N, C-alpha and C. Protein backbone atom coordinates (compact mmCIF):
# COMPACT_ATOMS: atom_id res chain seq x y z
N UNK A 1 93.67 122.48 121.78
CA UNK A 1 93.33 120.93 121.73
C UNK A 1 91.86 120.72 122.37
N UNK A 2 91.09 119.90 122.13
CA UNK A 2 89.89 119.58 122.82
C UNK A 2 89.85 118.06 123.32
N UNK A 3 89.21 117.57 124.49
CA UNK A 3 89.15 116.40 125.04
C UNK A 3 87.97 116.38 125.79
N UNK A 4 87.26 115.11 125.24
CA UNK A 4 85.73 114.72 126.04
C UNK A 4 86.20 113.61 126.69
N UNK A 5 85.55 113.37 128.07
CA UNK A 5 85.75 112.23 128.73
C UNK A 5 84.17 111.53 128.48
N UNK A 6 84.17 110.43 128.02
CA UNK A 6 82.52 109.95 127.95
C UNK A 6 82.84 108.55 129.18
N UNK A 7 82.15 108.43 130.00
CA UNK A 7 81.96 107.24 130.88
C UNK A 7 80.97 106.20 130.65
N UNK A 8 81.60 104.88 130.25
CA UNK A 8 80.82 104.10 129.27
C UNK A 8 80.66 102.84 130.05
N UNK A 9 79.31 102.09 130.03
CA UNK A 9 79.21 101.12 130.61
C UNK A 9 80.06 99.96 129.82
N UNK A 10 79.79 98.68 130.24
CA UNK A 10 79.27 98.28 131.37
C UNK A 10 79.91 98.44 132.64
N UNK A 11 81.47 98.87 132.54
CA UNK A 11 82.36 98.91 133.71
C UNK A 11 83.04 100.28 134.10
N UNK A 12 81.86 101.05 133.63
CA UNK A 12 82.33 102.83 133.84
C UNK A 12 83.75 102.95 133.16
N UNK A 13 83.88 102.43 131.93
CA UNK A 13 85.63 102.82 131.38
C UNK A 13 85.44 104.36 130.97
N UNK A 14 86.62 104.90 131.01
CA UNK A 14 86.66 106.30 130.53
C UNK A 14 87.11 106.15 128.97
N UNK A 15 86.14 106.68 128.27
CA UNK A 15 86.72 106.62 126.69
C UNK A 15 86.94 108.24 126.46
N UNK A 16 87.95 108.42 125.81
CA UNK A 16 88.42 109.84 125.40
C UNK A 16 88.56 110.03 123.95
N UNK A 17 87.76 111.23 123.59
CA UNK A 17 87.83 111.88 122.39
C UNK A 17 88.70 113.00 122.37
N UNK A 18 89.56 113.08 121.26
CA UNK A 18 90.57 114.27 121.17
C UNK A 18 90.59 114.65 120.02
N UNK A 19 90.82 115.86 120.16
CA UNK A 19 91.16 116.81 118.48
C UNK A 19 91.52 118.04 118.56
N UNK A 20 92.23 118.51 117.57
CA UNK A 20 92.49 119.88 117.65
C UNK A 20 91.54 120.85 117.72
N UNK A 21 91.74 121.90 118.27
CA UNK A 21 90.74 123.18 118.38
C UNK A 21 89.87 123.17 117.17
N UNK A 22 90.34 123.35 115.98
CA UNK A 22 89.68 123.57 114.93
C UNK A 22 89.39 122.37 113.82
N UNK A 23 89.82 121.37 114.29
CA UNK A 23 89.80 120.01 113.51
C UNK A 23 88.63 119.44 113.60
N UNK A 24 88.23 118.49 112.45
CA UNK A 24 86.92 117.76 112.39
C UNK A 24 87.49 116.32 112.62
N UNK A 25 88.85 116.01 112.57
CA UNK A 25 88.93 114.41 112.53
C UNK A 25 89.42 114.24 114.28
N UNK A 26 89.00 113.35 114.65
CA UNK A 26 89.51 112.82 116.15
C UNK A 26 89.96 111.63 116.22
N UNK A 27 90.57 111.50 117.26
CA UNK A 27 90.92 110.12 117.98
C UNK A 27 90.22 109.60 119.04
N UNK A 28 90.03 108.27 119.19
CA UNK A 28 88.96 107.79 120.19
C UNK A 28 89.76 106.68 121.20
N UNK A 29 89.99 107.02 122.26
CA UNK A 29 91.04 106.27 123.17
C UNK A 29 89.92 105.02 124.12
N UNK A 30 90.28 103.91 123.93
CA UNK A 30 89.41 102.96 124.30
C UNK A 30 87.81 103.17 124.46
N UNK A 31 87.34 102.88 123.37
CA UNK A 31 85.82 102.94 123.07
C UNK A 31 85.21 101.98 123.86
N UNK A 32 84.66 101.94 125.13
CA UNK A 32 83.98 101.16 125.83
C UNK A 32 82.56 100.73 125.44
N UNK A 33 81.67 101.18 124.71
CA UNK A 33 80.82 100.99 123.78
C UNK A 33 80.81 101.80 122.40
N UNK A 34 79.90 101.47 121.43
CA UNK A 34 80.10 102.54 120.59
C UNK A 34 78.91 103.67 120.50
N UNK A 35 77.78 103.35 120.88
CA UNK A 35 76.61 104.06 120.72
C UNK A 35 76.91 105.72 121.43
N UNK A 36 77.37 105.78 122.70
CA UNK A 36 77.78 107.42 123.09
C UNK A 36 78.74 107.77 122.36
N UNK A 37 79.65 107.08 121.71
CA UNK A 37 80.84 107.90 121.07
C UNK A 37 80.16 108.26 119.76
N UNK A 38 79.31 107.43 119.03
CA UNK A 38 78.67 107.87 117.78
C UNK A 38 77.82 108.88 117.81
N UNK A 39 77.13 109.12 119.33
CA UNK A 39 76.20 110.38 119.58
C UNK A 39 77.18 111.43 119.44
N UNK A 40 78.19 111.40 120.16
CA UNK A 40 78.68 112.66 120.41
C UNK A 40 79.77 113.16 119.08
N UNK A 41 80.19 112.07 118.35
CA UNK A 41 80.68 112.47 117.04
C UNK A 41 79.83 113.12 116.12
N UNK A 42 78.45 112.62 116.32
CA UNK A 42 77.70 113.16 115.20
C UNK A 42 77.24 114.74 115.83
N UNK A 43 76.82 114.82 117.08
CA UNK A 43 76.57 116.14 117.76
C UNK A 43 77.46 117.24 117.31
N UNK A 44 78.62 116.83 117.29
CA UNK A 44 79.93 117.79 117.27
C UNK A 44 80.54 117.64 116.04
N UNK A 45 80.04 116.97 115.10
CA UNK A 45 80.40 117.19 113.60
C UNK A 45 81.88 116.56 113.46
N UNK A 46 82.21 115.64 114.02
CA UNK A 46 83.47 115.11 114.21
C UNK A 46 83.65 113.72 113.50
N UNK A 47 84.78 113.54 112.71
CA UNK A 47 85.05 112.07 111.92
C UNK A 47 86.26 111.28 112.83
N UNK A 48 85.80 110.49 113.22
CA UNK A 48 86.88 109.45 114.04
C UNK A 48 87.98 108.84 113.10
N UNK A 49 88.93 109.18 113.12
CA UNK A 49 90.13 108.82 112.21
C UNK A 49 90.84 107.40 112.77
N UNK A 50 91.02 107.42 114.07
CA UNK A 50 91.68 106.56 114.89
C UNK A 50 91.16 105.83 116.14
N UNK A 51 91.34 104.41 116.66
CA UNK A 51 90.76 104.02 117.55
C UNK A 51 91.87 103.38 118.15
N UNK A 52 92.25 103.98 119.22
CA UNK A 52 93.86 103.90 120.13
C UNK A 52 93.36 103.03 121.31
N UNK A 53 93.78 101.71 121.37
CA UNK A 53 93.46 101.02 122.57
C UNK A 53 94.60 100.92 123.62
N UNK A 54 94.64 101.17 124.70
CA UNK A 54 95.50 100.92 125.81
C UNK A 54 95.79 99.35 126.09
N UNK A 55 94.86 98.74 125.87
CA UNK A 55 94.53 97.09 126.07
C UNK A 55 93.62 96.58 125.56
N UNK A 56 93.40 95.05 125.74
CA UNK A 56 92.40 94.60 125.03
C UNK A 56 91.21 93.99 125.93
N UNK A 57 91.27 94.34 127.16
CA UNK A 57 90.26 93.69 127.91
C UNK A 57 88.76 94.36 127.36
N UNK A 58 87.77 93.54 127.37
CA UNK A 58 86.52 93.60 126.84
C UNK A 58 85.84 95.10 127.28
N UNK A 59 85.99 95.69 128.44
CA UNK A 59 85.33 96.66 128.76
C UNK A 59 86.11 97.71 127.93
N UNK A 60 87.24 97.83 127.71
CA UNK A 60 87.59 98.96 127.00
C UNK A 60 87.54 98.67 125.43
N UNK A 61 87.02 97.44 125.01
CA UNK A 61 87.17 97.36 123.19
C UNK A 61 85.61 97.06 123.13
N UNK A 62 84.81 97.07 123.55
CA UNK A 62 83.26 96.34 123.34
C UNK A 62 82.75 97.26 122.19
N UNK A 63 83.51 98.64 121.94
CA UNK A 63 82.95 99.48 120.94
C UNK A 63 83.51 99.53 119.81
N UNK A 64 84.79 98.72 119.78
CA UNK A 64 85.70 99.12 118.50
C UNK A 64 85.18 98.46 117.24
N UNK A 65 84.56 97.25 117.18
CA UNK A 65 84.16 96.88 116.02
C UNK A 65 82.96 97.53 115.66
N UNK A 66 81.98 97.96 116.20
CA UNK A 66 80.94 98.92 115.52
C UNK A 66 81.49 100.20 114.96
N UNK A 67 82.58 101.19 115.74
CA UNK A 67 82.93 102.05 115.37
C UNK A 67 84.12 102.18 114.28
N UNK A 68 84.74 100.93 113.98
CA UNK A 68 85.33 100.62 113.06
C UNK A 68 84.82 100.45 111.58
N UNK A 69 83.48 99.69 111.85
CA UNK A 69 82.49 99.82 110.75
C UNK A 69 81.77 101.09 110.26
N UNK A 70 81.62 101.74 111.35
CA UNK A 70 80.43 103.05 110.88
C UNK A 70 81.46 103.99 110.89
N UNK A 71 82.66 104.29 111.12
CA UNK A 71 83.33 105.35 110.80
C UNK A 71 84.79 105.38 109.98
N UNK A 72 84.93 103.61 109.75
CA UNK A 72 86.07 103.56 108.88
C UNK A 72 87.39 103.82 109.52
N UNK A 73 87.40 104.05 110.94
CA UNK A 73 88.63 104.44 111.71
C UNK A 73 89.61 103.31 111.59
N UNK A 74 91.02 103.87 111.40
CA UNK A 74 91.86 102.67 111.78
C UNK A 74 92.27 102.10 113.40
N UNK A 75 92.25 100.98 113.53
CA UNK A 75 92.29 100.53 114.92
C UNK A 75 94.00 99.83 115.43
N UNK A 76 94.47 100.58 116.22
CA UNK A 76 95.42 100.13 116.63
C UNK A 76 95.98 99.56 118.00
N UNK A 77 96.45 98.39 118.40
CA UNK A 77 96.84 97.98 119.67
C UNK A 77 98.19 97.07 120.03
N UNK A 78 98.61 97.10 120.93
CA UNK A 78 99.74 96.25 120.94
C UNK A 78 99.90 94.63 120.44
N UNK A 79 100.59 94.35 119.89
CA UNK A 79 100.45 92.88 119.28
C UNK A 79 100.09 92.05 120.50
N UNK A 80 100.66 92.20 121.81
CA UNK A 80 100.75 91.16 122.61
C UNK A 80 98.87 91.02 122.94
N UNK A 81 98.25 91.88 122.91
CA UNK A 81 96.80 92.08 123.17
C UNK A 81 96.14 91.92 121.93
N UNK A 82 96.59 91.61 120.76
CA UNK A 82 95.72 91.06 119.51
C UNK A 82 94.62 90.34 119.80
N UNK A 83 95.34 89.27 120.46
CA UNK A 83 94.21 88.03 120.64
C UNK A 83 92.88 88.41 121.08
N UNK A 84 92.88 89.16 122.07
CA UNK A 84 91.59 89.74 122.64
C UNK A 84 90.54 90.31 121.84
N UNK A 85 90.92 90.60 120.33
CA UNK A 85 89.98 91.57 119.46
C UNK A 85 89.25 90.44 118.61
N UNK A 86 89.98 89.21 118.32
CA UNK A 86 89.57 88.31 117.50
C UNK A 86 89.94 87.10 117.76
N UNK A 87 89.15 86.57 118.72
CA UNK A 87 89.39 84.90 119.15
C UNK A 87 88.32 84.16 118.23
N UNK A 88 89.13 83.10 117.36
CA UNK A 88 88.44 82.25 116.39
C UNK A 88 87.40 81.50 117.43
N UNK A 89 87.46 81.30 118.56
CA UNK A 89 86.99 80.43 119.48
C UNK A 89 85.78 81.14 119.87
N UNK A 90 85.84 82.46 120.05
CA UNK A 90 84.85 83.22 120.70
C UNK A 90 84.64 84.29 119.77
N UNK A 91 83.88 84.43 118.66
CA UNK A 91 83.91 85.54 117.77
C UNK A 91 83.09 86.78 118.51
N UNK A 92 81.93 86.03 119.24
CA UNK A 92 80.91 87.09 119.75
C UNK A 92 81.06 86.88 121.52
N UNK A 93 81.25 87.99 121.97
CA UNK A 93 81.42 87.92 123.44
C UNK A 93 79.96 88.61 124.03
N UNK A 94 79.18 88.17 124.68
CA UNK A 94 78.04 89.03 125.17
C UNK A 94 78.29 89.15 126.83
N UNK A 95 78.11 90.14 127.13
CA UNK A 95 78.56 90.65 128.85
C UNK A 95 77.36 91.57 129.26
N UNK A 96 76.47 91.47 129.97
CA UNK A 96 75.37 92.19 130.61
C UNK A 96 74.91 92.90 129.50
N UNK A 97 74.34 92.14 128.56
CA UNK A 97 73.70 92.73 127.35
C UNK A 97 74.34 93.65 126.47
N UNK A 98 75.69 93.38 126.51
CA UNK A 98 76.27 94.04 125.43
C UNK A 98 77.14 92.91 124.41
N UNK A 99 77.30 93.04 123.15
CA UNK A 99 77.78 92.12 122.43
C UNK A 99 79.16 92.69 121.99
N UNK A 100 80.25 91.83 121.99
CA UNK A 100 81.44 92.35 121.70
C UNK A 100 81.74 91.48 120.30
N UNK A 101 81.65 92.11 119.09
CA UNK A 101 82.04 91.52 117.86
C UNK A 101 83.84 91.41 117.63
N UNK A 102 84.11 90.37 116.99
CA UNK A 102 85.41 90.34 116.44
C UNK A 102 85.93 91.28 115.49
N UNK A 103 86.92 91.92 115.69
CA UNK A 103 87.67 92.71 114.63
C UNK A 103 88.97 92.52 114.60
N UNK A 104 89.63 93.39 113.58
CA UNK A 104 90.91 92.75 113.17
C UNK A 104 91.56 94.36 113.30
N UNK A 105 92.66 94.53 114.14
CA UNK A 105 93.59 95.86 113.87
C UNK A 105 94.03 96.27 112.52
N UNK A 106 94.22 97.60 112.62
CA UNK A 106 94.75 97.87 111.30
C UNK A 106 96.46 98.11 111.40
N UNK A 107 96.73 97.92 112.58
CA UNK A 107 98.12 98.19 112.77
C UNK A 107 98.58 98.02 114.09
N UNK A 108 99.74 97.72 114.74
CA UNK A 108 100.15 97.23 116.08
C UNK A 108 101.36 98.59 116.23
N UNK A 109 101.36 98.87 117.92
CA UNK A 109 102.03 99.96 118.25
C UNK A 109 102.95 99.25 119.28
N UNK A 110 103.90 99.70 119.40
CA UNK A 110 105.10 99.27 120.48
C UNK A 110 105.76 100.53 121.24
N UNK A 111 106.71 100.10 121.97
CA UNK A 111 107.20 101.28 122.89
C UNK A 111 108.21 102.17 122.35
N UNK A 112 107.90 103.45 122.05
CA UNK A 112 108.70 104.35 121.54
C UNK A 112 108.04 104.98 120.08
N UNK A 113 107.17 104.25 119.76
CA UNK A 113 106.31 104.74 118.50
C UNK A 113 105.91 106.18 118.45
N UNK A 114 105.60 106.53 117.64
CA UNK A 114 105.17 108.06 117.35
C UNK A 114 104.12 107.82 116.52
N UNK A 115 102.88 108.34 116.76
CA UNK A 115 101.44 107.93 116.16
C UNK A 115 101.23 109.48 115.61
N UNK A 116 100.75 109.65 114.30
CA UNK A 116 100.54 110.91 113.91
C UNK A 116 98.89 110.93 113.48
N UNK A 117 98.05 111.45 113.88
CA UNK A 117 96.61 110.95 114.20
C UNK A 117 95.75 112.38 114.28
N UNK A 118 94.89 112.58 113.67
CA UNK A 118 94.00 113.74 113.52
C UNK A 118 94.68 115.01 113.81
N UNK A 119 96.00 115.39 113.29
CA UNK A 119 96.61 116.50 113.66
C UNK A 119 97.60 116.31 114.87
N UNK A 120 97.46 115.30 115.84
CA UNK A 120 97.68 114.90 117.03
C UNK A 120 99.23 114.11 117.07
N UNK A 121 100.05 114.44 117.92
CA UNK A 121 101.44 113.56 117.90
C UNK A 121 101.22 112.66 119.18
N UNK A 122 101.22 111.60 119.12
CA UNK A 122 100.97 110.85 120.26
C UNK A 122 102.30 109.64 120.46
N UNK A 123 102.76 109.71 121.71
CA UNK A 123 103.87 108.71 121.59
C UNK A 123 103.38 107.46 122.77
N UNK A 124 103.95 106.09 122.39
CA UNK A 124 103.48 104.94 122.75
C UNK A 124 104.25 104.70 123.80
N UNK A 125 104.17 104.18 124.94
CA UNK A 125 104.76 103.74 126.02
C UNK A 125 104.45 102.46 126.41
N UNK A 126 105.20 101.31 126.40
CA UNK A 126 104.64 99.82 126.60
C UNK A 126 104.71 99.56 128.24
N UNK A 127 103.63 99.38 128.62
CA UNK A 127 103.85 99.20 129.79
C UNK A 127 103.10 97.72 130.57
N UNK A 128 103.80 96.71 130.22
CA UNK A 128 103.33 95.39 130.30
C UNK A 128 103.00 95.12 132.07
N UNK A 129 102.06 94.45 132.09
CA UNK A 129 101.84 94.28 133.81
C UNK A 129 100.15 94.11 134.18
N UNK A 130 99.19 94.93 133.80
CA UNK A 130 97.84 94.53 133.55
C UNK A 130 97.50 93.56 132.64
N UNK A 131 98.19 94.04 131.28
CA UNK A 131 98.46 92.70 129.99
C UNK A 131 99.52 92.80 129.84
N UNK A 132 100.04 92.05 128.99
CA UNK A 132 101.21 92.05 128.24
C UNK A 132 101.32 93.09 127.28
N UNK A 133 100.29 93.43 126.69
CA UNK A 133 100.22 94.46 125.84
C UNK A 133 99.72 95.33 125.94
N UNK A 134 99.65 96.07 127.50
CA UNK A 134 99.37 97.53 127.76
C UNK A 134 100.14 98.53 127.30
N UNK A 135 99.55 99.96 126.98
CA UNK A 135 100.49 100.74 126.42
C UNK A 135 99.91 102.17 127.09
N UNK A 136 100.49 103.10 127.13
CA UNK A 136 99.88 104.59 127.75
C UNK A 136 100.20 105.12 126.05
N UNK A 137 99.30 106.22 126.15
CA UNK A 137 99.60 107.36 124.95
C UNK A 137 99.78 108.63 125.38
N UNK A 138 101.06 109.09 125.28
CA UNK A 138 101.44 110.52 125.67
C UNK A 138 101.28 111.53 124.48
N UNK A 139 100.72 112.67 125.22
CA UNK A 139 100.73 113.83 124.09
C UNK A 139 101.67 115.16 124.74
N UNK A 140 103.04 115.01 124.20
CA UNK A 140 103.77 116.10 124.87
C UNK A 140 103.26 117.34 124.89
N UNK A 141 102.78 117.73 123.90
CA UNK A 141 102.59 119.25 123.69
C UNK A 141 101.55 119.66 124.93
N UNK A 142 100.68 118.62 125.28
CA UNK A 142 99.53 119.02 126.25
C UNK A 142 99.91 118.50 127.44
N UNK A 143 100.83 117.70 127.81
CA UNK A 143 101.53 117.18 128.79
C UNK A 143 100.34 115.91 129.36
N UNK A 144 99.89 115.33 128.66
CA UNK A 144 98.95 114.39 129.00
C UNK A 144 99.24 112.97 128.85
N UNK A 145 99.11 111.83 129.77
CA UNK A 145 99.17 110.66 129.54
C UNK A 145 97.94 109.75 129.90
N UNK A 146 97.53 109.16 128.65
CA UNK A 146 96.33 108.32 128.74
C UNK A 146 96.82 106.65 129.13
N UNK A 147 96.41 106.31 130.63
CA UNK A 147 97.12 105.10 131.22
C UNK A 147 96.46 104.02 131.10
N UNK A 148 95.05 103.78 130.40
CA UNK A 148 94.71 102.60 130.70
C UNK A 148 94.33 101.92 132.04
N UNK A 149 94.36 100.98 132.03
CA UNK A 149 94.20 100.45 133.25
C UNK A 149 95.63 100.26 134.07
N UNK A 150 96.87 100.75 133.46
CA UNK A 150 97.89 100.49 134.32
C UNK A 150 98.16 101.60 135.87
N UNK A 151 97.78 102.64 135.56
CA UNK A 151 97.73 103.58 137.04
C UNK A 151 96.58 104.19 137.09
N UNK A 152 96.19 104.45 138.35
CA UNK A 152 95.02 105.11 138.58
C UNK A 152 95.34 106.17 139.82
N UNK A 153 94.56 107.22 140.05
CA UNK A 153 94.65 108.06 141.15
C UNK A 153 94.71 107.12 142.37
N UNK A 154 96.02 107.20 142.92
CA UNK A 154 96.10 106.47 144.50
C UNK A 154 95.74 105.10 144.10
N UNK A 155 96.08 104.40 142.95
CA UNK A 155 96.02 102.89 142.88
C UNK A 155 96.69 102.46 141.67
N UNK A 156 96.73 101.02 141.14
CA UNK A 156 96.98 100.61 140.13
C UNK A 156 95.74 99.52 139.65
N UNK A 157 96.49 99.19 138.35
CA UNK A 157 95.49 98.02 137.93
C UNK A 157 95.57 96.79 138.71
N UNK A 158 94.67 95.66 138.37
CA UNK A 158 94.93 94.43 138.54
C UNK A 158 95.97 93.68 137.73
N UNK A 159 96.45 92.93 138.50
CA UNK A 159 97.42 91.87 137.71
C UNK A 159 97.43 90.49 138.36
N UNK A 160 96.25 90.17 138.50
CA UNK A 160 96.16 88.92 139.09
C UNK A 160 95.70 87.60 138.00
N UNK A 161 95.53 87.90 136.57
CA UNK A 161 95.17 86.77 135.95
C UNK A 161 96.29 86.18 135.23
N UNK A 162 96.32 85.16 134.32
CA UNK A 162 97.04 84.34 133.82
C UNK A 162 98.38 85.13 133.30
N UNK A 163 97.69 86.22 132.32
CA UNK A 163 98.54 87.03 131.49
C UNK A 163 98.96 88.32 131.90
N UNK A 164 99.20 88.42 133.25
CA UNK A 164 99.58 89.49 133.85
C UNK A 164 100.49 89.24 135.10
N UNK A 165 101.28 90.69 135.52
CA UNK A 165 101.97 90.12 136.76
C UNK A 165 102.31 91.28 137.43
N UNK A 166 101.78 91.69 138.98
CA UNK A 166 102.12 92.82 139.56
C UNK A 166 103.30 93.12 139.49
N UNK A 167 104.30 92.13 139.72
CA UNK A 167 106.07 92.74 139.85
C UNK A 167 106.07 93.36 138.18
N UNK A 168 105.71 92.80 137.36
CA UNK A 168 105.81 93.50 136.07
C UNK A 168 105.07 94.76 136.03
N UNK A 169 104.01 95.12 136.39
CA UNK A 169 103.50 96.14 136.38
C UNK A 169 103.91 97.48 137.46
N UNK A 170 104.37 96.72 138.44
CA UNK A 170 105.15 97.87 139.38
C UNK A 170 106.42 98.14 138.62
N UNK A 171 107.38 97.55 137.81
CA UNK A 171 108.33 97.93 137.20
C UNK A 171 107.87 98.70 135.98
N UNK A 172 106.88 98.46 135.40
CA UNK A 172 106.76 99.23 134.13
C UNK A 172 106.08 100.75 134.93
N UNK A 173 105.54 101.02 135.96
CA UNK A 173 105.10 102.19 136.55
C UNK A 173 106.15 103.00 136.88
N UNK A 174 107.03 102.19 137.59
CA UNK A 174 108.65 102.98 138.12
C UNK A 174 109.30 103.15 136.96
N UNK A 175 109.60 102.27 136.12
CA UNK A 175 110.76 102.24 134.95
C UNK A 175 110.29 103.33 133.94
N UNK A 176 109.01 103.38 133.49
CA UNK A 176 108.59 104.02 132.27
C UNK A 176 107.60 105.29 132.29
N UNK A 177 107.08 105.03 133.53
CA UNK A 177 106.20 106.38 133.83
C UNK A 177 106.87 107.47 134.82
N UNK A 178 107.42 106.99 135.82
CA UNK A 178 108.04 107.56 137.07
C UNK A 178 109.21 108.56 136.47
N UNK A 179 109.78 107.89 135.46
CA UNK A 179 111.04 108.51 135.09
C UNK A 179 110.77 109.45 134.03
N UNK A 180 109.80 109.61 133.66
CA UNK A 180 109.55 110.71 132.75
C UNK A 180 109.60 112.16 133.27
N UNK A 181 110.27 113.04 132.57
CA UNK A 181 110.58 114.36 133.26
C UNK A 181 109.50 115.57 133.40
N UNK A 182 109.07 116.39 134.48
CA UNK A 182 108.39 117.06 134.47
C UNK A 182 106.89 116.56 135.00
N UNK A 183 105.85 117.46 134.97
CA UNK A 183 104.29 116.97 135.28
C UNK A 183 103.80 116.66 134.05
N UNK A 184 102.73 115.58 134.34
CA UNK A 184 101.84 115.09 133.36
C UNK A 184 100.68 115.12 134.12
N UNK A 185 99.52 115.26 133.49
CA UNK A 185 98.13 114.84 133.86
C UNK A 185 98.07 113.51 133.52
N UNK A 186 97.53 112.57 134.26
CA UNK A 186 97.28 111.22 133.99
C UNK A 186 95.67 110.78 133.81
N UNK A 187 95.40 110.31 132.55
CA UNK A 187 93.79 110.06 132.35
C UNK A 187 93.71 108.68 132.40
N UNK A 188 93.43 108.03 133.43
CA UNK A 188 93.24 106.85 133.61
C UNK A 188 91.85 106.25 132.75
N UNK A 189 91.88 104.74 132.66
CA UNK A 189 90.73 103.98 132.30
C UNK A 189 89.60 103.93 133.17
N UNK A 190 89.65 104.25 134.48
CA UNK A 190 88.62 104.27 135.32
C UNK A 190 89.07 105.15 136.30
N UNK A 191 87.79 105.89 136.68
CA UNK A 191 87.83 106.93 137.76
C UNK A 191 88.32 108.17 137.54
N UNK A 192 88.75 109.06 138.16
CA UNK A 192 89.06 110.42 138.06
C UNK A 192 90.75 110.58 137.56
N UNK A 193 90.95 111.62 137.00
CA UNK A 193 92.45 111.99 136.47
C UNK A 193 93.42 112.13 137.70
N UNK A 194 94.63 112.14 137.54
CA UNK A 194 95.44 112.43 138.64
C UNK A 194 96.59 112.87 138.06
N UNK A 195 97.76 113.02 139.04
CA UNK A 195 99.01 113.74 138.65
C UNK A 195 100.07 112.97 138.69
N UNK A 196 101.00 113.14 137.84
CA UNK A 196 102.11 112.26 137.55
C UNK A 196 102.98 112.40 139.02
N UNK A 197 103.00 113.82 139.22
CA UNK A 197 103.91 113.98 140.12
C UNK A 197 103.39 113.40 141.83
N UNK A 198 102.06 113.30 141.69
CA UNK A 198 101.27 113.19 143.24
C UNK A 198 101.40 111.59 143.28
N UNK A 199 101.41 110.78 141.84
CA UNK A 199 101.58 109.55 142.06
C UNK A 199 102.80 108.85 142.25
N UNK A 200 103.79 109.72 141.87
CA UNK A 200 105.40 109.62 142.26
C UNK A 200 105.60 109.51 143.95
N UNK A 201 104.99 110.63 144.33
CA UNK A 201 105.28 110.91 145.96
C UNK A 201 104.40 109.82 146.60
N UNK A 202 103.27 109.36 146.07
CA UNK A 202 102.32 108.90 147.17
C UNK A 202 101.37 107.88 146.60
N UNK A 203 101.70 106.80 145.51
CA UNK A 203 100.93 105.91 145.18
C UNK A 203 101.02 104.69 146.19
N UNK A 204 99.75 104.23 146.90
CA UNK A 204 99.92 103.15 147.53
C UNK A 204 100.32 101.87 147.09
N UNK A 205 99.96 101.37 145.86
CA UNK A 205 100.30 100.40 145.10
C UNK A 205 101.95 100.55 145.18
N UNK A 206 102.47 101.16 144.68
CA UNK A 206 103.95 101.46 144.37
C UNK A 206 104.77 101.52 145.59
N UNK A 207 104.20 102.22 146.61
CA UNK A 207 104.94 102.16 148.15
C UNK A 207 104.67 100.73 148.58
N UNK A 208 103.80 99.99 148.63
CA UNK A 208 103.88 98.60 148.85
C UNK A 208 104.79 97.75 148.28
N UNK A 209 104.91 97.70 146.82
CA UNK A 209 105.72 97.18 146.02
C UNK A 209 107.20 97.30 146.09
N UNK A 210 107.50 98.60 146.49
CA UNK A 210 108.57 99.26 146.77
C UNK A 210 109.49 98.44 148.11
N UNK A 211 108.41 98.41 148.98
CA UNK A 211 108.75 97.88 150.17
C UNK A 211 109.22 96.25 150.28
N UNK A 212 108.40 95.71 149.20
CA UNK A 212 108.65 94.21 149.06
C UNK A 212 110.06 94.27 148.20
N UNK A 213 110.49 95.03 147.58
CA UNK A 213 111.55 95.03 146.59
C UNK A 213 112.87 95.38 147.41
N UNK A 214 112.63 95.82 148.68
CA UNK A 214 114.00 96.28 149.33
C UNK A 214 114.44 95.25 150.25
């Protein structure tokens, strides 16, 4: 299996492009902007079959509509975050020179779903907290988890907006991720990758909230 990480503006989002070693179809997770992804696909002669979103915040989905139109890829998101993709009130969002076009997902994912895409098997873990519809995508055979903005190396995502909750985020991390058996590499939506075992032992956000719960 091959994976490429592109760090995309405007907020340095990690966009992941994943495909089998000899495969020509690929999955793209959290396309921050379209053009770097399209350039990579052209250079590597890859076809994007699925766009998988960990959540609906604009910095993770700015490239979705353009990629959907350009590649015909199917878009998947959790239903709770669907509204971020196509608000009737704001069909176009402009941020720092980037335009977010409204788009409609092809399907919704939920906890425990198994997706078969580009020859890969991905399991969906619903982890509400950063947003109500935040999810992680787990590839068991590669021991990889794509975590979006739920957990970072030695940190966790923000949960101080109207549709988020730090207590819920803590519960998702502890009850959904830390209960997984064995070691996994974590590929977050920002910054560098980490180790699930290391975060179990010493994640400052989790330590702080554990003390509050005691």
